[in-house]
Amino acid sequence: MTQVDMRPQAGDTVSGASSVESGVREKGLGGNSVGLVGNAVIGISTVAPVYCLTATLGPTVGEVGLQMPAIFLAGFLPMLLVAFAYRELNKAVPDCGTSFTWSVKAFGPRVGWMCGWGLLVATIVVLSNLAGVATSFFYLLLGELTGSADVAALDDNKAAHILTTLAFIAVATAISYRGITATKWVQYALVGLQLAVLVMFVYMALTKSDEVANSIDFSWSWMNPFGVESFAAFTAGLSLSIFIYWGWDACLSVNEESTGSAKTPGRAAMLAMVVIVVSYLMVAIAAQMYAGVGEKGTGLGNPETSDNVFAVLAEPIMGSGMGILLFVAVVASAAASLQTTFIPVARTALAMSTYQAMPASFAKVHPRFKTPGRATVVAGVATGVFYSVMTLVSENVLVDTIYALGLMICFYYAITAFACVWYFRGELRHSLRNLMIKGIFPGVGALMLTAVFGQTLYDMWDPAYGSGGSLFGVGSVFVIGVGLLLLGAVIMIVMQRRSPAFFRGEVLTTDTPALVVED
């Protein structure tokens, strides 16, 4: 007896009878536009390793101390397990709606809609933070280049900061509107610059670690996650760690535009994650050895500098001349990610609109650029409004939204991983590979993220969580995270009245794959 795999293979398009039977539809995106390397670059660029490190090294040390490298590894594990789910689901249903489409087909329209909303709102939060960090380092860079403290201090002017951030968002929106291949070589250069500067930073930090008073020697105990003092501190650190890996799934959002749509995006995601985790561990260990985890001066635990560690360490480690490269790398990291992060949000909105889960206007694809133009522009506007409002309401918006972001990432990643187990449940007994890759790995990853989601939800009720802000005695991180998810539930109820066909399961069907037949 032989087995024949009936799933779409590399290069196949999801159309014809299979599309009609499952409800999967063509979107009009430009096919065969991105290869393996380009896809991996999109994943790395969206993660924005330099930006993530400068924004989370301090807060992570504040939660777990010397165990920061262990937490980075612990955060990588559920991401790796979830990546298997994405890869297998993409092989079966290569659709740019990714988490939304797959969770609808596994669990039905309401769970799928909320999963898609989790991705959308998480991406908007990330976009706003990326733009804010790009602005801060832009003025720091100008201050270094001009030698003027007044220029650098413009970042502290709220009006100037918001206007500059909106300008960054507008430029990134315009570039994304023109298509994913419009700036391919620019993305290659920006990602290459980031990785090169990180290697230089690590080398110089290690060679100078014996020259400063706060330096500490490397210890293998740093790699032990059980060395964290409490479970609450562990989950808080893990939530931050999960945030710094977020974005690799952008590789899957361009599956309909990739060469070999069923296989290339999954391979690119794995490649991107390996590069990212190696970079994070190198920087975490080197920075900890050089600066220590103290709460004064250049110590990584200093609360006054925790949200922007590289701004403090650039000159001591790399010198006044080379240190500017670190500022350039952060600006490049945030700006490059700002452009590529529009990819998943726009394509998820496109898919949701195509399947009548969102207003039909989001389904418009530009006839020349082959991009979801309306969805991209609306995402840019939403990002600008969100960042402006949050900046005016909270002085600690960057820290609080990063903490809240971990909650939303866990939410939609966990649903997607559970969807993989349920969608392929009929295949798990066919082979050991199916059991492990489609069942156990995604299931364990989903359970880990669910545990982090639950513990974080409990912890963030306390106003002391995050920046310490509160609203009516409830922690501001809780208000941001839960409030945004509840907003999605309200919008879903409205859409259910406007588009009943989708919510009755008539547009995108809930099914299990009849993928393997015996001859």
Protein backbone atom coordinates (compact mmCIF):
# COMPACT_ATOMS: atom_id res chain seq x y z
CA MET A 1 0.00 0.00 0.00
CA THR A 2 1.32 3.46 -0.81
CA GLN A 3 0.31 6.81 0.58
CA VAL A 4 -0.34 9.79 -1.63
CA ASP A 5 -0.16 13.27 -0.12
CA MET A 6 -2.93 15.37 -1.65
CA ARG A 7 -1.92 18.67 -0.08
CA PRO A 8 -0.75 21.59 -2.23
CA GLN A 9 2.99 21.23 -2.84
CA ALA A 10 5.67 23.87 -3.43
CA GLY A 11 4.67 26.14 -6.25
CA ASP A 12 1.03 25.05 -6.27
CA THR A 13 -1.69 27.68 -5.98
CA VAL A 14 -4.68 27.15 -3.77
CA SER A 15 -7.39 27.48 -6.39
CA GLY A 16 -9.88 25.50 -8.33
CA ALA A 17 -11.86 22.72 -6.69
CA SER A 18 -9.76 22.54 -3.55
CA SER A 19 -10.27 26.22 -2.94
CA VAL A 20 -14.01 25.97 -3.42
CA GLU A 21 -14.33 22.94 -1.15
CA SER A 22 -12.39 24.50 1.73
CA GLY A 23 -13.46 28.09 1.16
CA VAL A 24 -9.87 29.30 0.62
CA ARG A 25 -9.77 32.13 -1.92
CA GLU A 26 -7.25 33.90 -4.11
CA LYS A 27 -6.47 37.47 -2.98
CA GLY A 28 -4.79 38.93 -6.06
CA LEU A 29 -1.36 39.30 -4.43
CA GLY A 30 1.78 39.11 -6.55
CA GLY A 31 2.99 35.49 -6.61
CA ASN A 32 6.61 34.25 -6.74
CA SER A 33 7.92 37.58 -5.46
CA VAL A 34 10.01 36.37 -2.48
CA GLY A 35 12.52 33.52 -2.18
CA LEU A 36 13.99 31.72 0.86
CA VAL A 37 16.63 34.33 1.74
CA GLY A 38 14.30 37.26 1.15
CA ASN A 39 11.65 35.58 3.27
CA ALA A 40 14.09 34.98 6.12
CA VAL A 41 15.23 38.61 5.91
CA ILE A 42 11.59 39.69 6.30
CA GLY A 43 11.35 37.57 9.45
CA ILE A 44 14.56 38.93 10.98
CA SER A 45 13.72 42.50 10.00
CA THR A 46 10.24 42.25 11.54
CA VAL A 47 11.67 40.93 14.80
CA ALA A 48 14.06 43.93 14.83
CA PRO A 49 16.78 42.35 17.01
CA VAL A 50 18.66 45.57 17.86
CA TYR A 51 15.47 47.42 18.81
CA CYS A 52 14.19 44.49 20.88
CA LEU A 53 17.45 44.19 22.77
CA THR A 54 17.73 47.86 23.70
CA ALA A 55 14.09 47.90 24.86
CA THR A 56 14.07 44.64 26.85
CA LEU A 57 17.56 43.96 28.25
CA GLY A 58 16.89 46.28 31.18
CA PRO A 59 13.31 45.20 32.01
CA THR A 60 14.29 41.52 31.75
CA VAL A 61 17.21 41.97 34.14
CA GLY A 62 14.85 43.87 36.44
CA GLU A 63 12.62 40.78 36.59
CA VAL A 64 15.10 37.87 36.63
CA GLY A 65 18.56 39.34 37.28
CA LEU A 66 21.48 37.20 36.16
CA GLN A 67 19.12 34.60 34.68
CA MET A 68 18.45 36.81 31.63
CA PRO A 69 20.24 34.44 29.16
CA ALA A 70 18.22 31.52 30.54
CA ILE A 71 14.99 33.45 30.09
CA PHE A 72 15.93 34.26 26.50
CA LEU A 73 16.40 30.54 25.89
CA ALA A 74 13.17 29.70 27.72
CA GLY A 75 11.28 32.20 25.56
CA PHE A 76 12.76 30.63 22.43
CA LEU A 77 11.44 27.15 23.27
CA PRO A 78 7.69 27.83 22.93
CA MET A 79 8.38 29.95 19.85
CA LEU A 80 10.22 27.02 18.26
CA LEU A 81 7.42 24.60 19.12
CA VAL A 82 4.79 26.98 17.76
CA ALA A 83 6.86 27.42 14.60
CA PHE A 84 6.32 23.72 13.85
CA ALA A 85 2.57 24.37 13.99
CA TYR A 86 2.88 27.29 11.57
CA ARG A 87 5.01 25.25 9.19
CA GLU A 88 2.60 22.30 9.06
CA LEU A 89 -0.52 24.44 8.77
CA ASN A 90 1.10 26.46 5.99
CA LYS A 91 1.85 23.27 4.06
CA ALA A 92 -1.81 22.33 4.23
CA VAL A 93 -3.36 25.79 3.76
CA PRO A 94 -0.90 28.40 2.40
CA ASP A 95 -3.12 31.43 3.02
CA CYS A 96 -1.93 34.95 3.90
CA GLY A 97 -4.51 35.05 6.72
CA THR A 98 -2.29 32.56 8.63
CA SER A 99 -3.49 32.40 12.26
CA PHE A 100 -6.94 33.74 11.39
CA THR A 101 -7.55 31.34 8.50
CA TRP A 102 -6.13 28.28 10.24
CA SER A 103 -7.97 28.80 13.52
CA VAL A 104 -11.24 29.33 11.66
CA LYS A 105 -10.75 26.02 9.85
CA ALA A 106 -9.95 24.28 13.12
CA PHE A 107 -12.27 25.90 15.66
CA GLY A 108 -14.83 27.91 13.74
CA PRO A 109 -15.40 31.58 12.86
CA ARG A 110 -15.61 33.15 16.34
CA VAL A 111 -12.40 31.70 17.72
CA GLY A 112 -10.73 32.41 14.39
CA TRP A 113 -11.94 36.02 14.39
CA MET A 114 -10.57 36.67 17.88
CA CYS A 115 -7.29 35.00 16.93
CA GLY A 116 -7.02 37.29 13.91
CA TRP A 117 -7.87 40.28 16.08
CA GLY A 118 -5.11 39.31 18.53
CA LEU A 119 -2.60 39.37 15.67
CA LEU A 120 -3.90 42.69 14.35
CA VAL A 121 -3.84 44.53 17.66
CA ALA A 122 -0.45 43.07 18.69
CA THR A 123 0.99 44.29 15.41
CA ILE A 124 -0.43 47.80 15.86
CA VAL A 125 1.14 47.95 19.35
CA VAL A 126 4.50 46.81 17.95
CA LEU A 127 4.34 49.31 15.11
CA SER A 128 3.72 52.16 17.54
CA ASN A 129 6.64 51.15 19.75
CA LEU A 130 8.93 50.70 16.75
CA ALA A 131 8.15 54.20 15.58
CA GLY A 132 8.68 55.60 19.07
CA VAL A 133 12.09 53.95 19.46
CA ALA A 134 13.11 55.06 15.95
CA THR A 135 12.27 58.64 16.96
CA SER A 136 14.19 58.48 20.25
CA PHE A 137 17.34 57.13 18.65
CA PHE A 138 16.96 59.46 15.68
CA TYR A 139 17.31 62.46 18.01
CA LEU A 140 20.10 60.78 19.98
CA LEU A 141 21.92 60.19 16.71
CA LEU A 142 21.41 63.80 15.62
CA GLY A 143 22.67 64.95 19.00
CA GLU A 144 25.83 62.86 18.62
CA LEU A 145 26.45 64.03 15.08
CA THR A 146 25.90 67.72 15.85
CA GLY A 147 27.42 67.64 19.33
CA SER A 148 24.35 69.49 20.57
CA ALA A 149 22.58 68.43 23.76
CA ASP A 150 19.64 70.63 22.77
CA VAL A 151 19.07 68.59 19.60
CA ALA A 152 19.17 65.32 21.54
CA ALA A 153 16.77 66.81 24.09
CA LEU A 154 14.12 67.35 21.40
CA ASP A 155 13.03 63.79 22.07
CA ASP A 156 11.82 64.96 25.49
CA ASN A 157 9.57 67.52 23.83
CA LYS A 158 6.27 65.64 23.59
CA ALA A 159 4.98 67.56 20.56
CA ALA A 160 8.23 67.12 18.62
CA HIS A 161 8.42 63.45 19.57
CA ILE A 162 4.86 62.67 18.47
CA LEU A 163 5.16 64.59 15.19
CA THR A 164 8.44 62.86 14.31
CA THR A 165 6.98 59.47 15.19
CA LEU A 166 3.99 60.14 12.93
CA ALA A 167 6.41 61.07 10.14
CA PHE A 168 8.22 57.72 10.53
CA ILE A 169 4.88 55.90 10.44
CA ALA A 170 3.80 57.79 7.31
CA VAL A 171 7.02 56.97 5.45
CA ALA A 172 6.85 53.29 6.42
CA THR A 173 3.21 53.12 5.34
CA ALA A 174 4.05 54.62 1.95
CA ILE A 175 6.90 52.17 1.38
CA SER A 176 4.78 49.16 2.41
CA TYR A 177 2.02 50.38 0.11
CA ARG A 178 4.38 49.98 -2.86
CA GLY A 179 5.01 46.29 -2.22
CA ILE A 180 7.33 43.87 -0.44
CA THR A 181 9.90 43.83 -3.24
CA ALA A 182 10.18 47.62 -3.53
CA THR A 183 12.92 47.84 -0.90
CA LYS A 184 14.35 44.30 -0.99
CA TRP A 185 17.99 45.33 -1.24
CA VAL A 186 17.48 48.06 1.34
CA GLN A 187 16.16 45.41 3.75
CA TYR A 188 19.18 43.21 3.04
CA ALA A 189 21.47 46.12 3.86
CA LEU A 190 19.61 47.12 7.04
CA VAL A 191 19.47 43.58 8.41
CA GLY A 192 23.14 43.04 7.53
CA LEU A 193 24.03 46.30 9.31
CA GLN A 194 22.15 45.24 12.45
CA LEU A 195 23.85 41.86 12.68
CA ALA A 196 27.30 43.31 11.95
CA VAL A 197 26.97 45.98 14.64
CA LEU A 198 25.76 43.39 17.18
CA VAL A 199 28.83 41.25 16.48
CA MET A 200 31.07 44.31 16.99
CA PHE A 201 29.24 45.19 20.22
CA VAL A 202 29.67 41.67 21.59
CA TYR A 203 33.37 41.53 20.70
CA MET A 204 34.16 44.93 22.26
CA ALA A 205 32.08 44.23 25.38
CA LEU A 206 33.89 40.96 25.99
CA THR A 207 37.37 42.43 25.41
CA LYS A 208 36.66 45.40 27.74
CA SER A 209 34.77 43.52 30.47
CA ASP A 210 37.88 43.31 32.66
CA GLU A 211 38.44 47.07 32.53
CA VAL A 212 35.33 48.26 34.40
CA ALA A 213 34.39 48.00 38.05
CA ASN A 214 30.91 46.52 37.58
CA SER A 215 31.96 43.72 35.24
CA ILE A 216 31.31 40.10 36.23
CA ASP A 217 32.68 36.78 35.05
CA PHE A 218 30.56 34.44 32.97
CA SER A 219 28.85 31.61 34.81
CA TRP A 220 26.95 28.63 33.41
CA SER A 221 24.39 29.23 36.15
CA TRP A 222 23.10 32.13 34.03
CA MET A 223 21.67 29.50 31.69
CA ASN A 224 19.57 27.87 34.42
CA PRO A 225 15.91 29.05 34.28
CA PHE A 226 15.23 27.47 37.68
CA GLY A 227 17.54 30.04 39.24
CA VAL A 228 14.79 32.69 38.99
CA GLU A 229 13.58 33.67 42.46
CA SER A 230 9.82 33.27 41.90
CA PHE A 231 7.37 31.91 39.37
CA ALA A 232 5.83 35.37 38.99
CA ALA A 233 9.25 36.82 38.11
CA PHE A 234 9.84 33.92 35.71
CA THR A 235 6.57 34.48 33.84
CA ALA A 236 7.12 38.25 33.72
CA GLY A 237 10.58 37.71 32.25
CA LEU A 238 9.24 35.03 29.91
CA SER A 239 6.54 37.39 28.68
CA LEU A 240 9.23 39.92 27.77
CA SER A 241 11.34 37.19 26.21
CA ILE A 242 8.44 36.04 24.05
CA PHE A 243 8.01 39.63 22.88
CA ILE A 244 11.57 39.81 21.53
CA TYR A 245 10.96 36.78 19.31
CA TRP A 246 7.68 38.11 17.97
CA GLY A 247 7.63 38.78 14.24
CA TRP A 248 9.18 35.63 12.77
CA ASP A 249 5.71 34.61 11.57
CA ALA A 250 5.79 37.51 9.08
CA CYS A 251 7.54 34.94 6.87
CA LEU A 252 4.26 33.02 6.73
CA SER A 253 2.18 36.12 5.93
CA VAL A 254 3.82 36.34 2.51
CA ASN A 255 3.18 32.68 1.70
CA GLU A 256 0.95 33.54 -1.26
CA GLU A 257 3.71 35.79 -2.61
CA SER A 258 6.57 33.31 -2.07
CA THR A 259 8.20 30.92 -4.49
CA GLY A 260 7.10 27.54 -3.22
CA SER A 261 4.30 28.86 -1.05
CA ALA A 262 3.76 25.60 0.84
CA LYS A 263 7.35 25.06 2.02
CA THR A 264 9.55 28.16 1.62
CA PRO A 265 7.89 30.33 4.32
CA GLY A 266 8.21 27.61 6.98
CA ARG A 267 11.88 27.03 6.19
CA ALA A 268 12.53 30.77 6.22
CA ALA A 269 10.89 31.09 9.64
CA MET A 270 13.15 28.39 11.08
CA LEU A 271 16.25 30.03 9.58
CA ALA A 272 15.27 33.44 10.94
CA MET A 273 14.69 32.08 14.44
CA VAL A 274 18.11 30.42 14.60
CA VAL A 275 19.84 33.67 13.62
CA ILE A 276 17.80 35.61 16.17
CA VAL A 277 18.32 33.33 19.18
CA VAL A 278 22.09 33.16 18.59
CA SER A 279 22.25 36.96 18.36
CA TYR A 280 20.24 37.41 21.56
CA LEU A 281 22.32 35.02 23.62
CA MET A 282 25.59 36.58 22.45
CA VAL A 283 24.46 40.11 23.31
CA ALA A 284 22.83 39.14 26.62
CA ILE A 285 25.95 37.39 27.89
CA ALA A 286 28.37 40.08 26.67
CA ALA A 287 26.29 42.97 28.08
CA GLN A 288 25.87 41.22 31.41
CA MET A 289 29.58 40.49 31.70
CA TYR A 290 30.49 44.12 30.92
CA ALA A 291 27.84 46.10 32.80
CA GLY A 292 26.62 43.70 35.47
CA VAL A 293 23.05 43.78 36.78
CA GLY A 294 23.40 46.60 39.29
CA GLU A 295 20.81 49.34 39.72
CA LYS A 296 23.22 52.27 39.37
CA GLY A 297 25.32 53.75 36.57
CA THR A 298 25.62 51.52 33.52
CA GLY A 299 24.23 48.50 35.37
CA LEU A 300 21.56 46.69 33.36
CA GLY A 301 19.22 46.82 36.36
CA ASN A 302 19.23 50.63 36.55
CA PRO A 303 15.53 51.60 36.31
CA GLU A 304 16.39 55.03 34.88
CA THR A 305 18.03 53.53 31.79
CA SER A 306 16.28 50.16 31.52
CA ASP A 307 14.09 51.11 28.56
CA ASN A 308 17.06 52.15 26.39
CA VAL A 309 20.17 50.20 27.39
CA PHE A 310 22.21 50.77 24.24
CA ALA A 311 21.99 54.55 24.67
CA VAL A 312 23.99 54.11 27.90
CA LEU A 313 26.39 51.38 26.78
CA ALA A 314 27.21 52.60 23.27
CA GLU A 315 30.01 55.04 24.13
CA PRO A 316 31.62 53.12 27.04
CA ILE A 317 31.85 49.91 25.01
CA MET A 318 32.35 51.10 21.44
CA GLY A 319 33.81 54.58 21.94
CA SER A 320 32.40 57.92 20.85
CA GLY A 321 33.08 57.27 17.16
CA MET A 322 32.00 53.64 16.85
CA GLY A 323 29.22 54.12 19.38
CA ILE A 324 27.33 56.17 16.81
CA LEU A 325 27.06 52.96 14.78
CA LEU A 326 24.95 51.46 17.56
CA PHE A 327 22.56 54.43 17.39
CA VAL A 328 22.44 54.02 13.61
CA ALA A 329 21.73 50.30 14.03
CA VAL A 330 18.81 50.95 16.40
CA VAL A 331 17.31 53.52 14.04
CA ALA A 332 17.84 51.13 11.12
CA SER A 333 16.37 48.22 13.09
CA ALA A 334 13.25 50.11 14.10
CA ALA A 335 12.78 51.70 10.69
CA ALA A 336 13.27 48.44 8.78
CA SER A 337 10.94 46.56 11.10
CA LEU A 338 8.41 49.38 10.93
CA GLN A 339 8.20 48.80 7.18
CA THR A 340 8.05 44.97 7.23
CA THR A 341 5.72 44.77 10.22
CA PHE A 342 2.99 46.24 8.02
CA ILE A 343 3.12 42.96 6.07
CA PRO A 344 1.30 40.67 8.56
CA VAL A 345 -1.26 43.23 9.71
CA ALA A 346 -2.21 44.26 6.18
CA ARG A 347 -2.41 40.69 4.87
CA THR A 348 -4.39 39.45 7.85
CA ALA A 349 -6.86 42.29 7.35
CA LEU A 350 -6.95 41.45 3.63
CA ALA A 351 -7.77 37.80 4.36
CA MET A 352 -10.39 38.65 6.98
CA SER A 353 -12.04 41.03 4.52
CA THR A 354 -11.85 38.51 1.66
CA TYR A 355 -13.70 35.98 3.83
CA GLN A 356 -16.26 38.64 4.86
CA ALA A 357 -15.05 38.81 8.46
CA MET A 358 -14.19 42.52 8.06
CA PRO A 359 -15.55 45.32 5.83
CA ALA A 360 -15.15 44.59 2.12
CA SER A 361 -12.99 47.69 1.53
CA PHE A 362 -9.99 45.99 3.16
CA ALA A 363 -10.02 43.34 0.42
CA LYS A 364 -8.87 45.82 -2.24
CA VAL A 365 -5.49 44.96 -3.78
CA HIS A 366 -3.59 47.66 -5.68
CA PRO A 367 -3.66 46.70 -9.39
CA ARG A 368 -0.03 47.76 -9.96
CA PHE A 369 1.77 47.05 -6.70
CA LYS A 370 -0.27 43.91 -5.87
CA THR A 371 -0.49 44.93 -2.21
CA PRO A 372 -3.45 45.33 0.16
CA GLY A 373 -3.35 49.12 -0.18
CA ARG A 374 -6.43 50.06 1.85
CA ALA A 375 -5.50 47.73 4.71
CA THR A 376 -1.94 49.11 4.79
CA VAL A 377 -3.09 52.73 4.96
CA VAL A 378 -5.67 52.01 7.68
CA ALA A 379 -3.01 50.14 9.69
CA GLY A 380 -0.74 53.18 9.45
CA VAL A 381 -3.49 55.54 10.60
CA ALA A 382 -4.44 53.23 13.48
CA THR A 383 -0.80 53.02 14.55
CA GLY A 384 -0.41 56.79 14.58
CA VAL A 385 -3.62 57.34 16.55
CA PHE A 386 -2.80 54.60 19.07
CA TYR A 387 0.71 55.89 19.74
CA SER A 388 -0.37 59.52 20.01
CA VAL A 389 -3.16 58.73 22.46
CA MET A 390 -1.08 56.40 24.61
CA THR A 391 1.82 58.87 24.75
CA LEU A 392 -0.48 61.65 25.89
CA VAL A 393 -2.20 59.43 28.48
CA SER A 394 0.82 57.60 29.93
CA GLU A 395 4.43 58.71 30.36
CA ASN A 396 5.45 55.04 30.53
CA VAL A 397 3.60 53.90 27.42
CA LEU A 398 6.61 52.08 25.95
CA VAL A 399 7.14 49.84 28.97
CA ASP A 400 3.44 49.18 29.58
CA THR A 401 2.59 48.33 25.99
CA ILE A 402 5.56 45.96 25.76
CA TYR A 403 4.30 44.12 28.84
CA ALA A 404 0.73 44.09 27.44
CA LEU A 405 2.05 42.93 24.08
CA GLY A 406 3.31 39.69 25.61
CA LEU A 407 -0.26 38.87 26.65
CA MET A 408 -1.63 39.36 23.14
CA ILE A 409 1.21 37.43 21.50
CA CYS A 410 0.61 34.47 23.81
CA PHE A 411 -3.10 34.69 23.01
CA TYR A 412 -2.94 34.27 19.25
CA TYR A 413 0.16 32.07 19.11
CA ALA A 414 -1.42 29.61 21.57
CA ILE A 415 -4.68 29.47 19.60
CA THR A 416 -2.73 28.82 16.38
CA ALA A 417 -0.72 26.01 17.98
CA PHE A 418 -3.87 24.39 19.42
CA ALA A 419 -5.45 24.74 15.97
CA CYS A 420 -2.63 22.67 14.49
CA VAL A 421 -3.23 19.81 16.93
CA TRP A 422 -6.97 19.85 16.34
CA TYR A 423 -6.81 20.34 12.58
CA PHE A 424 -4.46 17.37 12.12
CA ARG A 425 -5.98 15.19 14.86
CA GLY A 426 -6.96 12.52 12.34
CA GLU A 427 -3.36 12.16 11.17
CA LEU A 428 -1.55 11.93 14.50
CA ARG A 429 -1.67 8.12 14.61
CA HIS A 430 -0.39 7.67 11.07
CA SER A 431 3.28 8.05 11.98
CA LEU A 432 5.65 9.03 14.76
CA ARG A 433 6.56 12.17 12.80
CA ASN A 434 2.95 13.28 12.60
CA LEU A 435 2.46 12.65 16.31
CA MET A 436 5.50 14.70 17.27
CA ILE A 437 5.51 17.50 14.68
CA LYS A 438 1.76 18.02 14.31
CA GLY A 439 0.67 17.00 17.79
CA ILE A 440 3.08 16.97 20.72
CA PHE A 441 5.38 19.85 19.75
CA PRO A 442 2.61 22.35 18.93
CA GLY A 443 0.53 21.13 21.89
CA VAL A 444 3.34 21.61 24.40
CA GLY A 445 4.15 25.03 22.92
CA ALA A 446 0.48 26.04 23.19
CA LEU A 447 0.26 24.87 26.81
CA MET A 448 3.41 26.80 27.72
CA LEU A 449 2.05 29.99 26.17
CA THR A 450 -1.33 29.44 27.84
CA ALA A 451 0.38 29.13 31.21
CA VAL A 452 2.29 32.37 30.60
CA PHE A 453 -0.94 34.05 29.46
CA GLY A 454 -2.79 33.01 32.62
CA GLN A 455 -0.03 33.95 35.04
CA THR A 456 0.59 37.26 33.26
CA LEU A 457 -3.12 38.05 33.36
CA TYR A 458 -3.09 37.48 37.13
CA ASP A 459 0.11 39.44 37.74
CA MET A 460 -0.74 42.47 35.61
CA TRP A 461 -3.81 43.25 37.74
CA ASP A 462 -1.34 44.61 40.30
CA PRO A 463 -0.44 48.28 39.59
CA ALA A 464 3.16 47.44 40.46
CA TYR A 465 3.39 45.34 37.29
CA GLY A 466 5.11 47.21 34.47
CA SER A 467 5.63 50.92 34.99
CA GLY A 468 3.53 51.07 38.14
CA GLY A 469 0.68 53.05 36.59
CA SER A 470 -2.95 52.28 37.42
CA LEU A 471 -6.53 53.16 36.53
CA PHE A 472 -9.08 52.94 39.37
CA GLY A 473 -6.66 50.72 41.26
CA VAL A 474 -6.12 48.31 38.36
CA GLY A 475 -2.70 48.02 36.76
CA SER A 476 -2.36 49.99 33.53
CA VAL A 477 -0.81 46.97 31.78
CA PHE A 478 -3.97 44.97 32.56
CA VAL A 479 -6.15 47.80 31.28
CA ILE A 480 -4.19 48.03 28.02
CA GLY A 481 -3.93 44.29 27.34
CA VAL A 482 -7.39 43.12 28.38
CA GLY A 483 -9.08 46.28 27.13
CA LEU A 484 -7.74 45.77 23.61
CA LEU A 485 -8.89 42.12 23.55
CA LEU A 486 -12.35 43.09 24.81
CA LEU A 487 -12.54 45.76 22.14
CA GLY A 488 -12.04 42.97 19.62
CA ALA A 489 -14.97 41.02 21.09
CA VAL A 490 -17.20 44.08 20.74
CA ILE A 491 -16.17 44.63 17.11
CA MET A 492 -16.76 40.92 16.41
CA ILE A 493 -20.35 41.24 17.66
CA VAL A 494 -20.88 44.20 15.34
CA MET A 495 -19.39 42.31 12.38
CA GLN A 496 -21.56 39.30 13.19
CA ARG A 497 -24.63 41.44 12.51
CA ARG A 498 -23.14 42.89 9.32
CA SER A 499 -21.71 39.65 7.92
CA PRO A 500 -23.75 36.70 9.21
CA ALA A 501 -22.61 34.35 6.42
CA PHE A 502 -19.03 34.21 7.71
CA PHE A 503 -20.12 33.56 11.28
CA ARG A 504 -22.46 30.79 10.11
CA GLY A 505 -19.43 29.05 8.60
CA GLU A 506 -20.64 29.47 5.02
CA VAL A 507 -17.64 31.42 3.67
CA LEU A 508 -14.59 29.73 5.21
CA THR A 509 -15.46 26.21 6.25
CA THR A 510 -14.47 24.45 9.45
CA ASP A 511 -13.01 21.10 8.47
CA THR A 512 -10.41 18.43 9.05
CA PRO A 513 -8.11 17.60 6.16
CA ALA A 514 -8.84 14.57 4.03
CA LEU A 515 -5.22 14.81 2.96
CA VAL A 516 -3.98 11.24 2.85
CA VAL A 517 -5.63 8.51 0.77
CA GLU A 518 -4.47 4.95 0.32
CA ASP A 519 -3.90 3.33 -3.05
